[in-house]
């Protein structure tokens, strides 16, 4: 399919999706309006007949005694008001989810089939947790999920990737009434089955951010530095590739430099440099201000790459796929779709060159 035909299909699809979005919103607001109209009528009736309702439940109070039976009607009226708010909230939530499901099933799925015919797309699936664990890039989490799953074969290599949200949730007290959540990783995660296997693990991450973390650690007390270091993974010895531009941007960890040169070829290094420059557009870590302790603990670099045995794992934080807005015009917010397509191409290009 040529670019002009593809552009026409995208524009046609967006126009149809915008019409459907308006229909979903009209239906949603119609339901919310009906809920409140019925609720207001019932509330008025309860208030007007509050005394009669109370007398029916508790009996008529004789003269001379304090009569609080009307309170029952007022309580029921208040309950109905809050019930209408809850009903409206769930209506909006359900409609938003239905729209997102419709957008991905009826618009995104056929579009992906046209643009990336080698890949199958499953909107509600995600990469297996076993693959994420095997990468050894992130640890200390207890909640794992995601969506927008792709799988297929590119240049003879099996490829799968998806958006992931990985977090650590903890309860703050014994009765579980309060909980907190820390995001360990949120972004795109790619796994490529390589044609050859390596005996030594290879890890690549953004060297500039790594340097900033080390500089910040030098300024904290020794006991705190030792505590933080427990949560920073040890990937082994740092080696250089001999590529000045690449070595300036990245830290490479590998115990076998010969094996490294066979896998991380000039073409792969050039692709990673390109990805680095592209990802900078979405993640703001390319500044000179000092990192605080919160950033030290959550510093995940622009991306991380791990090669173990015959598999490559590639994690890019802070990038989401197909975050199609429900409250804004789809046609006027095409950048969401463009960003998603660019991110997918970034992953497939790396899978092809490795």
Protein backbone atom coordinates (compact mmCIF):
# COMPACT_ATOMS: atom_id res chain seq x y z
CA UNK A 1 0.00 0.00 0.00
CA UNK A 2 1.47 3.36 -1.05
CA UNK A 3 1.69 6.35 1.32
CA UNK A 4 -1.13 8.29 -0.33
CA UNK A 5 -3.55 5.35 -0.09
CA UNK A 6 -2.56 4.81 3.53
CA UNK A 7 -3.03 8.50 4.33
CA UNK A 8 -6.49 8.40 2.72
CA UNK A 9 -7.45 5.34 4.79
CA UNK A 10 -6.24 6.98 8.00
CA UNK A 11 -8.20 10.16 7.30
CA UNK A 12 -11.31 8.17 6.40
CA UNK A 13 -10.95 6.07 9.55
CA UNK A 14 -10.48 9.14 11.76
CA UNK A 15 -13.59 10.78 10.28
CA UNK A 16 -15.65 7.66 10.98
CA UNK A 17 -14.19 7.38 14.48
CA UNK A 18 -15.02 11.02 15.23
CA UNK A 19 -18.66 10.40 14.23
CA UNK A 20 -18.77 7.37 16.53
CA UNK A 21 -17.17 9.40 19.35
CA UNK A 22 -19.93 11.99 19.07
CA UNK A 23 -22.56 9.22 19.14
CA UNK A 24 -21.00 7.69 22.25
CA UNK A 25 -20.89 11.08 23.98
CA UNK A 26 -24.48 11.93 22.97
CA UNK A 27 -25.69 8.60 24.35
CA UNK A 28 -23.68 9.09 27.54
CA UNK A 29 -24.96 12.60 28.20
CA UNK A 30 -28.52 11.48 27.36
CA UNK A 31 -28.29 8.73 29.98
CA UNK A 32 -26.78 11.08 32.58
CA UNK A 33 -29.50 13.66 31.88
CA UNK A 34 -32.23 11.02 32.26
CA UNK A 35 -30.71 9.84 35.56
CA UNK A 36 -30.76 13.36 36.98
CA UNK A 37 -34.26 14.21 35.69
CA UNK A 38 -35.70 11.08 37.31
CA UNK A 39 -33.66 11.69 40.43
CA UNK A 40 -34.81 15.31 40.78
CA UNK A 41 -38.45 14.27 40.38
CA UNK A 42 -38.08 11.56 43.02
CA UNK A 43 -36.22 13.91 45.38
CA UNK A 44 -39.00 16.52 45.05
CA UNK A 45 -41.65 13.88 45.76
CA UNK A 46 -39.72 12.61 48.78
CA UNK A 47 -39.35 16.11 50.19
CA UNK A 48 -43.01 17.03 49.57
CA UNK A 49 -44.29 13.78 51.08
CA UNK A 50 -41.52 13.39 53.67
CA UNK A 51 -43.97 13.59 56.61
CA UNK A 52 -46.36 11.08 55.08
CA UNK A 53 -43.56 8.64 54.30
CA UNK A 54 -42.23 8.89 57.86
CA UNK A 55 -45.71 8.35 59.29
CA UNK A 56 -46.19 5.23 57.08
CA UNK A 57 -42.93 3.74 58.39
CA UNK A 58 -43.05 4.73 62.09
CA UNK A 59 -46.70 5.47 62.56
CA UNK A 60 -48.52 8.73 63.21
CA UNK A 61 -47.17 10.66 66.20
CA UNK A 62 -49.79 11.83 68.66
CA UNK A 63 -50.25 15.52 69.30
CA UNK A 64 -48.03 16.94 71.95
CA UNK A 65 -45.08 14.74 71.08
CA UNK A 66 -42.09 15.77 68.96
CA UNK A 67 -42.58 14.57 65.37
CA UNK A 68 -39.35 13.81 63.47
CA UNK A 69 -40.81 11.33 61.01
CA UNK A 70 -40.16 13.71 58.10
CA UNK A 71 -36.41 13.15 58.57
CA UNK A 72 -36.78 9.75 56.87
CA UNK A 73 -37.94 11.38 53.64
CA UNK A 74 -35.08 13.87 53.74
CA UNK A 75 -32.54 11.09 54.29
CA UNK A 76 -33.97 9.10 51.39
CA UNK A 77 -33.85 12.23 49.20
CA UNK A 78 -30.17 12.75 50.08
CA UNK A 79 -29.42 9.09 49.36
CA UNK A 80 -31.08 9.36 45.93
CA UNK A 81 -29.04 12.46 45.11
CA UNK A 82 -25.73 10.71 45.83
CA UNK A 83 -26.96 7.59 44.03
CA UNK A 84 -27.53 9.74 40.93
CA UNK A 85 -23.97 11.07 41.18
CA UNK A 86 -22.61 7.53 41.46
CA UNK A 87 -24.78 6.34 38.57
CA UNK A 88 -23.56 9.20 36.40
CA UNK A 89 -19.93 8.46 37.26
CA UNK A 90 -20.24 4.80 36.33
CA UNK A 91 -22.10 5.69 33.14
CA UNK A 92 -19.24 7.98 32.08
CA UNK A 93 -16.65 5.34 33.05
CA UNK A 94 -18.46 2.54 31.20
CA UNK A 95 -18.99 4.67 28.09
CA UNK A 96 -15.34 5.74 28.01
CA UNK A 97 -14.21 2.12 28.21
CA UNK A 98 -16.69 1.07 25.52
CA UNK A 99 -15.45 3.83 23.24
CA UNK A 100 -11.79 2.91 23.77
CA UNK A 101 -12.58 -0.73 23.04
CA UNK A 102 -14.50 0.28 19.91
CA UNK A 103 -11.69 2.58 18.73
CA UNK A 104 -9.03 -0.13 19.10
CA UNK A 105 -11.17 -2.93 17.64
CA UNK A 106 -12.78 -1.13 14.71
CA UNK A 107 -10.16 1.50 13.88
CA UNK A 108 -6.72 0.63 15.26
CA UNK A 109 -6.80 -3.13 14.50
CA UNK A 110 -7.47 -2.85 10.73
CA UNK A 111 -5.06 0.10 10.53
CA UNK A 112 -2.28 -1.95 12.10
CA UNK A 113 -3.05 -4.79 9.69
CA UNK A 114 -2.45 -2.40 6.78
CA UNK A 115 0.67 -0.68 8.13
CA UNK A 116 2.36 -3.64 9.84
CA UNK A 117 1.10 -6.73 7.97
CA UNK A 118 3.82 -8.95 9.49
CA UNK A 119 2.42 -8.37 12.99
CA UNK A 120 -0.77 -9.46 14.74
CA UNK A 121 -2.37 -6.94 17.09
CA UNK A 122 -4.32 -7.77 20.26
CA UNK A 123 -5.65 -4.64 22.02
CA UNK A 124 -6.24 -6.22 25.44
CA UNK A 125 -3.21 -8.53 25.73
CA UNK A 126 0.36 -7.83 26.82
CA UNK A 127 3.83 -9.39 26.96
CA UNK A 128 4.18 -12.40 29.27
CA UNK A 129 5.48 -11.61 32.74
CA UNK A 130 8.05 -14.39 32.35
CA UNK A 131 9.72 -12.47 29.53
CA UNK A 132 9.78 -9.32 31.64
CA UNK A 133 11.38 -11.26 34.51
CA UNK A 134 13.92 -12.90 32.20
CA UNK A 135 15.18 -9.48 31.09
CA UNK A 136 16.33 -8.72 34.67
CA UNK A 137 15.98 -5.03 33.88
CA UNK A 138 13.43 -4.26 36.60
CA UNK A 139 12.72 -5.92 39.94
CA UNK A 140 10.82 -5.37 43.21
CA UNK A 141 7.26 -5.22 41.89
CA UNK A 142 4.03 -7.05 42.72
CA UNK A 143 1.59 -5.80 40.10
CA UNK A 144 1.94 -6.44 36.37
CA UNK A 145 -0.36 -5.49 33.49
CA UNK A 146 -0.61 -3.80 30.12
CA UNK A 147 -2.31 -3.73 26.72
CA UNK A 148 -1.70 -3.14 22.97
CA UNK A 149 0.15 -6.40 22.30
CA UNK A 150 1.91 -7.11 18.99
CA UNK A 151 3.56 -10.32 17.82
CA UNK A 152 4.94 -11.65 14.56
CA UNK A 153 8.06 -12.38 12.54
CA UNK A 154 10.43 -9.71 11.20
CA UNK A 155 13.44 -10.67 9.09
CA UNK A 156 13.15 -14.26 10.30
CA UNK A 157 13.05 -13.31 14.01
CA UNK A 158 10.08 -13.76 16.33
CA UNK A 159 9.08 -10.41 17.83
CA UNK A 160 6.57 -9.38 20.48
CA UNK A 161 5.98 -6.14 22.31
CA UNK A 162 3.31 -4.24 24.20
CA UNK A 163 2.65 -1.42 26.58
CA UNK A 164 3.26 -2.41 30.21
CA UNK A 165 2.44 -0.93 33.60
CA UNK A 166 4.52 -2.53 36.36
CA UNK A 167 4.22 -1.28 39.92
CA UNK A 168 4.80 -2.04 43.55
CA UNK A 169 1.74 -1.72 45.76
CA UNK A 170 1.91 -1.71 49.53
CA UNK A 171 -0.50 -1.28 52.43
CA UNK A 172 0.31 1.45 54.93
CA UNK A 173 -1.39 -0.16 57.92
CA UNK A 174 -2.63 -3.49 59.20
CA UNK A 175 -6.28 -3.08 58.22
CA UNK A 176 -5.39 -2.45 54.53
CA UNK A 177 -7.49 0.73 54.52
CA UNK A 178 -4.67 2.75 52.97
CA UNK A 179 -2.37 1.70 50.18
CA UNK A 180 0.31 3.30 48.03
CA UNK A 181 1.61 2.47 44.59
CA UNK A 182 5.02 3.12 43.03
CA UNK A 183 5.51 2.73 39.29
CA UNK A 184 8.52 0.52 38.57
CA UNK A 185 8.11 0.64 34.80
CA UNK A 186 5.51 2.14 32.53
CA UNK A 187 6.10 2.16 28.77
CA UNK A 188 6.89 -0.12 25.83
CA UNK A 189 8.59 -3.49 26.26
CA UNK A 190 10.03 -5.43 23.30
CA UNK A 191 11.31 -9.00 23.10
CA UNK A 192 13.15 -10.36 20.03
CA UNK A 193 14.19 -13.98 19.57
CA UNK A 194 17.69 -13.79 18.04
CA UNK A 195 19.17 -16.17 15.47
CA UNK A 196 22.31 -16.58 17.61
CA UNK A 197 22.88 -16.96 21.35
CA UNK A 198 25.33 -15.15 23.64
CA UNK A 199 27.10 -16.65 26.64
CA UNK A 200 27.55 -13.33 28.48
CA UNK A 201 24.66 -11.00 29.27
CA UNK A 202 24.79 -7.59 27.59
CA UNK A 203 23.08 -4.55 29.09
CA UNK A 204 22.95 -1.08 27.55
CA UNK A 205 21.50 2.03 29.15
CA UNK A 206 21.75 5.80 28.86
CA UNK A 207 25.22 6.74 30.13
CA UNK A 208 24.45 10.42 30.72
CA UNK A 209 21.69 9.68 33.20
CA UNK A 210 23.81 6.98 34.77
CA UNK A 211 26.57 9.55 35.31
CA UNK A 212 24.11 12.01 36.87
CA UNK A 213 22.92 9.35 39.29
CA UNK A 214 26.49 8.53 40.33
CA UNK A 215 27.31 12.23 40.79
CA UNK A 216 24.22 12.72 42.93
CA UNK A 217 25.07 9.67 45.03
CA UNK A 218 28.49 11.14 45.82
CA UNK A 219 26.76 14.07 47.55
CA UNK A 220 24.65 12.03 49.98
CA UNK A 221 25.77 10.50 53.30
CA UNK A 222 27.55 7.14 53.09
CA UNK A 223 24.81 5.20 54.91
CA UNK A 224 22.17 6.57 52.52
CA UNK A 225 24.38 5.87 49.51
CA UNK A 226 24.84 2.26 50.62
CA UNK A 227 21.09 1.90 51.13
CA UNK A 228 20.27 3.28 47.65
CA UNK A 229 22.95 1.11 46.01
CA UNK A 230 21.07 -1.97 47.21
CA UNK A 231 18.30 -1.07 44.76
CA UNK A 232 20.58 -0.29 41.81
CA UNK A 233 21.20 -3.48 39.81
CA UNK A 234 24.74 -4.68 39.16
CA UNK A 235 25.05 -5.48 35.46
CA UNK A 236 28.75 -6.36 35.57
CA UNK A 237 31.84 -4.67 34.10
CA UNK A 238 31.53 -1.61 31.86
CA UNK A 239 33.13 -1.91 28.40
CA UNK A 240 33.54 0.47 25.48
CA UNK A 241 32.70 -0.33 21.88
CA UNK A 242 35.29 2.01 20.32
CA UNK A 243 32.48 4.06 18.76
CA UNK A 244 33.06 7.53 20.28
CA UNK A 245 29.54 8.88 19.70
CA UNK A 246 27.93 5.68 21.00
CA UNK A 247 30.18 5.37 24.06
CA UNK A 248 29.48 9.01 24.92
CA UNK A 249 25.74 8.32 25.12
CA UNK A 250 25.59 4.81 26.57
CA UNK A 251 26.98 2.59 29.28
CA UNK A 252 27.57 -0.95 28.03
CA UNK A 253 27.90 -3.82 30.49
CA UNK A 254 29.36 -7.11 29.27
CA UNK A 255 31.94 -9.62 30.49
CA UNK A 256 32.99 -10.64 26.97
CA UNK A 257 34.01 -7.77 24.66
CA UNK A 258 34.48 -10.10 21.66
CA UNK A 259 30.93 -11.35 21.91
CA UNK A 260 29.73 -7.78 22.33
CA UNK A 261 31.26 -6.71 18.98
CA UNK A 262 29.51 -9.57 17.19
CA UNK A 263 26.06 -8.58 18.46
CA UNK A 264 26.24 -4.80 18.84
CA UNK A 265 27.32 -4.10 15.26
CA UNK A 266 27.80 -0.62 13.74
CA UNK A 267 24.26 -0.87 12.30
CA UNK A 268 22.82 -1.65 15.75
CA UNK A 269 24.79 1.19 17.37
CA UNK A 270 23.55 3.63 14.72
CA UNK A 271 19.96 2.49 15.31
CA UNK A 272 20.28 2.92 19.09
CA UNK A 273 21.70 6.44 18.63
CA UNK A 274 18.74 7.25 16.39
CA UNK A 275 16.32 5.86 18.98
CA UNK A 276 18.05 7.88 21.70
CA UNK A 277 17.50 11.11 19.75
CA UNK A 278 13.88 10.20 18.99
CA UNK A 279 13.03 9.27 22.58
CA UNK A 280 14.45 12.58 23.83
CA UNK A 281 11.40 14.21 22.25
CA UNK A 282 9.12 12.35 24.68
CA UNK A 283 11.20 12.11 27.88
CA UNK A 284 12.65 15.22 29.51
CA UNK A 285 15.88 14.06 31.13
CA UNK A 286 18.27 15.91 28.84
CA UNK A 287 18.85 18.84 31.18
CA UNK A 288 21.65 19.93 33.48
CA UNK A 289 19.77 20.36 36.74
CA UNK A 290 20.85 18.09 39.64
CA UNK A 291 18.79 14.98 40.35
CA UNK A 292 16.96 14.72 43.65
CA UNK A 293 16.73 11.50 45.66
CA UNK A 294 13.33 10.62 44.20
CA UNK A 295 14.80 10.76 40.70
CA UNK A 296 17.77 8.65 41.80
CA UNK A 297 15.45 5.88 42.96
CA UNK A 298 13.23 6.04 39.86
CA UNK A 299 15.90 6.80 37.24
CA UNK A 300 15.16 4.35 34.44
CA UNK A 301 17.18 6.03 31.66
CA UNK A 302 15.73 6.88 28.28
CA UNK A 303 15.67 3.17 27.56
CA UNK A 304 17.31 -0.08 28.64
CA UNK A 305 18.43 -2.99 26.49
CA UNK A 306 19.32 -6.47 27.68
CA UNK A 307 20.54 -9.46 25.68
CA UNK A 308 20.46 -12.84 27.44
CA UNK A 309 21.09 -16.17 25.70
CA UNK A 310 19.10 -15.92 22.44
CA UNK A 311 16.73 -13.06 23.42
CA UNK A 312 16.88 -9.30 23.27
CA UNK A 313 14.77 -7.24 25.67
CA UNK A 314 14.20 -3.54 25.12
CA UNK A 315 12.33 -1.25 27.54
CA UNK A 316 11.32 2.35 26.77
CA UNK A 317 9.61 4.15 29.69
CA UNK A 318 6.99 6.90 29.47
CA UNK A 319 5.63 6.11 25.98
CA UNK A 320 2.02 4.99 25.53
CA UNK A 321 0.21 3.57 22.50
CA UNK A 322 -3.16 4.66 21.12
CA UNK A 323 -4.21 6.89 24.00
CA UNK A 324 -7.18 8.03 21.90
CA UNK A 325 -9.01 10.95 23.60
CA UNK A 326 -12.71 10.64 24.36
CA UNK A 327 -13.25 14.24 25.40
CA UNK A 328 -11.48 15.84 22.41
CA UNK A 329 -11.94 15.86 18.65
CA UNK A 330 -10.09 12.83 17.24
CA UNK A 331 -9.25 14.52 13.94
CA UNK A 332 -7.72 17.55 15.69
CA UNK A 333 -5.58 15.26 17.90
CA UNK A 334 -3.91 13.14 15.25
CA UNK A 335 -0.54 13.54 16.99
CA UNK A 336 -1.58 10.75 19.41
CA UNK A 337 -1.85 8.34 16.49
CA UNK A 338 1.33 9.64 14.84
CA UNK A 339 3.28 9.20 18.09
CA UNK A 340 2.02 5.62 18.44
CA UNK A 341 2.93 4.72 14.86
CA UNK A 342 6.38 6.30 15.25
CA UNK A 343 6.98 4.33 18.47
CA UNK A 344 5.95 1.04 16.87
CA UNK A 345 8.23 1.69 13.89
CA UNK A 346 11.06 2.45 16.31
CA UNK A 347 10.67 -1.03 17.85
CA UNK A 348 10.29 -2.86 14.55
CA UNK A 349 13.34 -1.09 13.06
CA UNK A 350 15.46 -2.22 16.00
CA UNK A 351 14.14 -5.78 15.70
CA UNK A 352 15.05 -5.86 12.02
CA UNK A 353 18.61 -4.57 12.44
CA UNK A 354 19.67 -6.61 15.49
